[in-house]
Amino acid sequence: MYQSMMTFIYTRDLETMIDFVEEALGLEVVYQPDWARVYRVTGSSYLGLVDQTKGSLSSQYKGGCLISLTVEALEDSYKRIEAFGVDGLTPIRAFEDIGVKSFFFKGPGGYDFEIQSFYKEDIRVLFD
C-alpha cells in the first residue's frame, strides 16, 4: 500500500511560487534542495514545487489539473488568499449536491486552485 502522496508543480519562476505557497497558502517547507521545495499539506500528503529547468519532466502544458485543499475555516482562508492578490478569485459558493463550500483562483504560473470545506458530516468524514 502507498505511504504518502505528493503533487508536484513545475514552474518557470520558483521564487514567486515559493512566496505564494508559504504566504498565501501558509504551508511549511519540509524539504528544500536548491531547485525544489516540498511542503506538508496534512499527515502524509505533500505539495512540491520544482524549477522546471532542472526537474525530471519537461513540462509544457498544465491543463486539466486542479489543486484542491480542504480547510475548516473557509472564510479565514478566503481573506488570506484575497489579501495576497491572486487572479481569478471567485466568491465562496456552496455546492449543495456534494456538501461543499469552496472558492477558486489562479496561482502563479496559471495553476488552478480550490480551497474547500465540507459541511455534510457523511462527506467530511471521508476526507478527514
C-alpha atoms as a PDB file:
ATOM      1  CA  MET A   1       0.000   0.000   0.000  1.00  0.00           C
ATOM      2  CA  TYR A   2       1.083   3.597  -0.529  1.00  0.00           C
ATOM      3  CA  GLN A   3       2.767   5.531   2.279  1.00  0.00           C
ATOM      4  CA  SER A   4       2.185   9.111   1.141  1.00  0.00           C
ATOM      5  CA  MET A   5       1.004  11.299  -1.722  1.00  0.00           C
ATOM      6  CA  MET A   6       2.875  14.165  -3.395  1.00  0.00           C
ATOM      7  CA  THR A   7       1.726  16.530  -6.112  1.00  0.00           C
ATOM      8  CA  PHE A   8       4.489  18.445  -7.893  1.00  0.00           C
ATOM      9  CA  ILE A   9       4.036  21.791  -9.633  1.00  0.00           C
ATOM     10  CA  TYR A  10       6.656  22.539 -12.273  1.00  0.00           C
ATOM     11  CA  THR A  11       7.282  26.271 -12.532  1.00  0.00           C
ATOM     12  CA  ARG A  12       9.367  28.744 -14.508  1.00  0.00           C
ATOM     13  CA  ASP A  13       9.544  31.097 -11.502  1.00  0.00           C
ATOM     14  CA  LEU A  14      10.353  29.075  -8.396  1.00  0.00           C
ATOM     15  CA  GLU A  15      10.794  32.100  -6.102  1.00  0.00           C
ATOM     16  CA  THR A  16       7.337  33.523  -6.926  1.00  0.00           C
ATOM     17  CA  MET A  17       5.750  30.120  -6.374  1.00  0.00           C
ATOM     18  CA  ILE A  18       7.605  29.722  -3.046  1.00  0.00           C
ATOM     19  CA  ASP A  19       6.260  33.102  -1.854  1.00  0.00           C
ATOM     20  CA  PHE A  20       2.734  32.109  -2.906  1.00  0.00           C
ATOM     21  CA  VAL A  21       2.788  28.702  -1.192  1.00  0.00           C
ATOM     22  CA  GLU A  22       4.357  29.997   2.019  1.00  0.00           C
ATOM     23  CA  GLU A  23       2.493  33.317   2.327  1.00  0.00           C
ATOM     24  CA  ALA A  24      -0.901  32.801   0.638  1.00  0.00           C
ATOM     25  CA  LEU A  25      -1.379  29.106   1.386  1.00  0.00           C
ATOM     26  CA  GLY A  26       0.546  29.157   4.669  1.00  0.00           C
ATOM     27  CA  LEU A  27       2.317  25.831   4.108  1.00  0.00           C
ATOM     28  CA  GLU A  28       5.561  24.939   5.882  1.00  0.00           C
ATOM     29  CA  VAL A  29       8.519  23.590   3.924  1.00  0.00           C
ATOM     30  CA  VAL A  30       9.773  20.131   4.952  1.00  0.00           C
ATOM     31  CA  TYR A  31      12.471  19.592   2.300  1.00  0.00           C
ATOM     32  CA  GLN A  32      14.365  22.095   0.174  1.00  0.00           C
ATOM     33  CA  PRO A  33      17.065  21.177  -2.305  1.00  0.00           C
ATOM     34  CA  ASP A  34      18.308  24.115  -4.441  1.00  0.00           C
ATOM     35  CA  TRP A  35      15.844  23.511  -7.305  1.00  0.00           C
ATOM     36  CA  ALA A  36      12.708  22.387  -5.446  1.00  0.00           C
ATOM     37  CA  ARG A  37      10.615  22.658  -2.274  1.00  0.00           C
ATOM     38  CA  VAL A  38       8.293  20.146  -0.629  1.00  0.00           C
ATOM     39  CA  TYR A  39       5.537  21.282   1.752  1.00  0.00           C
ATOM     40  CA  ARG A  40       3.431  19.159   4.089  1.00  0.00           C
ATOM     41  CA  VAL A  41      -0.245  19.744   3.407  1.00  0.00           C
ATOM     42  CA  THR A  42      -1.538  17.301   6.015  1.00  0.00           C
ATOM     43  CA  GLY A  43      -0.439  13.979   7.503  1.00  0.00           C
ATOM     44  CA  SER A  44       1.414  12.277   4.685  1.00  0.00           C
ATOM     45  CA  SER A  45       0.243  14.442   1.773  1.00  0.00           C
ATOM     46  CA  TYR A  46       2.642  16.939   0.238  1.00  0.00           C
ATOM     47  CA  LEU A  47       2.807  19.692  -2.360  1.00  0.00           C
ATOM     48  CA  GLY A  48       6.107  20.047  -4.174  1.00  0.00           C
ATOM     49  CA  LEU A  49       7.478  22.876  -6.300  1.00  0.00           C
ATOM     50  CA  VAL A  50      10.087  22.168  -8.977  1.00  0.00           C
ATOM     51  CA  ASP A  51      12.200  24.510 -11.106  1.00  0.00           C
ATOM     52  CA  GLN A  52      11.118  23.167 -14.491  1.00  0.00           C
ATOM     53  CA  THR A  53      14.580  23.734 -15.997  1.00  0.00           C
ATOM     54  CA  LYS A  54      16.063  21.229 -13.511  1.00  0.00           C
ATOM     55  CA  GLY A  55      13.254  18.745 -12.799  1.00  0.00           C
ATOM     56  CA  SER A  56      12.671  15.242 -14.132  1.00  0.00           C
ATOM     57  CA  LEU A  57       9.908  16.181 -16.573  1.00  0.00           C
ATOM     58  CA  SER A  58       9.646  18.556 -19.482  1.00  0.00           C
ATOM     59  CA  SER A  59       6.516  20.497 -18.617  1.00  0.00           C
ATOM     60  CA  GLN A  60       4.875  22.459 -21.404  1.00  0.00           C
ATOM     61  CA  TYR A  61       1.152  22.180 -20.619  1.00  0.00           C
ATOM     62  CA  LYS A  62      -0.613  22.494 -17.261  1.00  0.00           C
ATOM     63  CA  GLY A  63      -4.226  21.857 -18.251  1.00  0.00           C
ATOM     64  CA  GLY A  64      -6.677  19.538 -16.585  1.00  0.00           C
ATOM     65  CA  CYS A  65      -5.312  19.791 -13.038  1.00  0.00           C
ATOM     66  CA  LEU A  66      -6.987  21.380 -10.020  1.00  0.00           C
ATOM     67  CA  ILE A  67      -5.116  21.602  -6.719  1.00  0.00           C
ATOM     68  CA  SER A  68      -7.828  21.414  -4.081  1.00  0.00           C
ATOM     69  CA  LEU A  69      -7.072  21.976  -0.392  1.00  0.00           C
ATOM     70  CA  THR A  70      -9.564  21.279   2.395  1.00  0.00           C
ATOM     71  CA  VAL A  71      -9.790  23.576   5.423  1.00  0.00           C
ATOM     72  CA  GLU A  72     -12.054  24.055   8.440  1.00  0.00           C
ATOM     73  CA  ALA A  73     -12.043  27.879   8.438  1.00  0.00           C
ATOM     74  CA  LEU A  74     -13.001  28.677   4.846  1.00  0.00           C
ATOM     75  CA  GLU A  75     -13.672  32.391   5.405  1.00  0.00           C
ATOM     76  CA  ASP A  76     -10.262  32.877   7.064  1.00  0.00           C
ATOM     77  CA  SER A  77      -8.565  31.191   4.120  1.00  0.00           C
ATOM     78  CA  TYR A  78     -10.536  33.355   1.714  1.00  0.00           C
ATOM     79  CA  LYS A  79      -9.354  36.538   3.439  1.00  0.00           C
ATOM     80  CA  ARG A  80      -5.703  35.398   3.359  1.00  0.00           C
ATOM     81  CA  ILE A  81      -5.861  34.479  -0.354  1.00  0.00           C
ATOM     82  CA  GLU A  82      -7.701  37.706  -1.186  1.00  0.00           C
ATOM     83  CA  ALA A  83      -5.049  39.765   0.656  1.00  0.00           C
ATOM     84  CA  PHE A  84      -2.305  38.033  -1.333  1.00  0.00           C
ATOM     85  CA  GLY A  85      -3.881  39.384  -4.543  1.00  0.00           C
ATOM     86  CA  VAL A  86      -4.354  36.298  -6.732  1.00  0.00           C
ATOM     87  CA  ASP A  87      -6.015  36.331 -10.159  1.00  0.00           C
ATOM     88  CA  GLY A  88      -9.491  34.939 -10.827  1.00  0.00           C
ATOM     89  CA  LEU A  89     -10.637  34.772  -7.209  1.00  0.00           C
ATOM     90  CA  THR A  90     -14.273  33.642  -7.132  1.00  0.00           C
ATOM     91  CA  PRO A  91     -16.750  34.248  -4.330  1.00  0.00           C
ATOM     92  CA  ILE A  92     -17.341  31.405  -1.872  1.00  0.00           C
ATOM     93  CA  ARG A  93     -20.027  29.165  -3.305  1.00  0.00           C
ATOM     94  CA  ALA A  94     -21.996  26.244  -1.840  1.00  0.00           C
ATOM     95  CA  PHE A  95     -22.424  23.064  -3.884  1.00  0.00           C
ATOM     96  CA  GLU A  96     -25.441  21.510  -2.162  1.00  0.00           C
ATOM     97  CA  ASP A  97     -25.318  18.182  -4.013  1.00  0.00           C
ATOM     98  CA  ILE A  98     -21.861  17.332  -2.649  1.00  0.00           C
ATOM     99  CA  GLY A  99     -21.995  19.257   0.631  1.00  0.00           C
ATOM    100  CA  VAL A 100     -19.041  21.535  -0.002  1.00  0.00           C
ATOM    101  CA  LYS A 101     -18.380  25.257   0.077  1.00  0.00           C
ATOM    102  CA  SER A 102     -15.394  26.471  -1.896  1.00  0.00           C
ATOM    103  CA  PHE A 103     -13.698  29.195  -3.883  1.00  0.00           C
ATOM    104  CA  PHE A 104     -11.305  29.080  -6.816  1.00  0.00           C
ATOM    105  CA  PHE A 105      -8.378  31.157  -8.053  1.00  0.00           C
ATOM    106  CA  LYS A 106      -5.297  31.132 -10.271  1.00  0.00           C
ATOM    107  CA  GLY A 107      -1.932  30.697  -8.620  1.00  0.00           C
ATOM    108  CA  PRO A 108       1.415  31.687 -10.108  1.00  0.00           C
ATOM    109  CA  GLY A 109       2.102  30.116 -13.481  1.00  0.00           C
ATOM    110  CA  GLY A 110      -1.627  29.847 -14.209  1.00  0.00           C
ATOM    111  CA  TYR A 111      -2.239  26.831 -11.956  1.00  0.00           C
ATOM    112  CA  ASP A 112      -5.831  26.339 -10.781  1.00  0.00           C
ATOM    113  CA  PHE A 113      -6.513  26.122  -7.038  1.00  0.00           C
ATOM    114  CA  GLU A 114      -9.597  25.476  -4.933  1.00  0.00           C
ATOM    115  CA  ILE A 115      -9.948  25.912  -1.186  1.00  0.00           C
ATOM    116  CA  GLN A 116     -12.889  23.916   0.145  1.00  0.00           C
ATOM    117  CA  SER A 117     -14.739  22.969   3.312  1.00  0.00           C
ATOM    118  CA  PHE A 118     -17.153  20.031   3.631  1.00  0.00           C
ATOM    119  CA  TYR A 119     -20.282  20.805   5.623  1.00  0.00           C
ATOM    120  CA  LYS A 120     -22.138  17.490   5.292  1.00  0.00           C
ATOM    121  CA  GLU A 121     -20.863  15.170   8.017  1.00  0.00           C
ATOM    122  CA  ASP A 122     -21.010  11.976   5.910  1.00  0.00           C
ATOM    123  CA  ILE A 123     -18.829  13.595   3.234  1.00  0.00           C
ATOM    124  CA  ARG A 124     -16.473  15.305   5.687  1.00  0.00           C
ATOM    125  CA  VAL A 125     -15.561  12.021   7.429  1.00  0.00           C
ATOM    126  CA  LEU A 126     -14.476  10.535   4.097  1.00  0.00           C
ATOM    127  CA  PHE A 127     -11.725  13.122   3.727  1.00  0.00           C
ATOM    128  CA  ASP A 128     -10.618  13.712   7.336  1.00  0.00           C
END
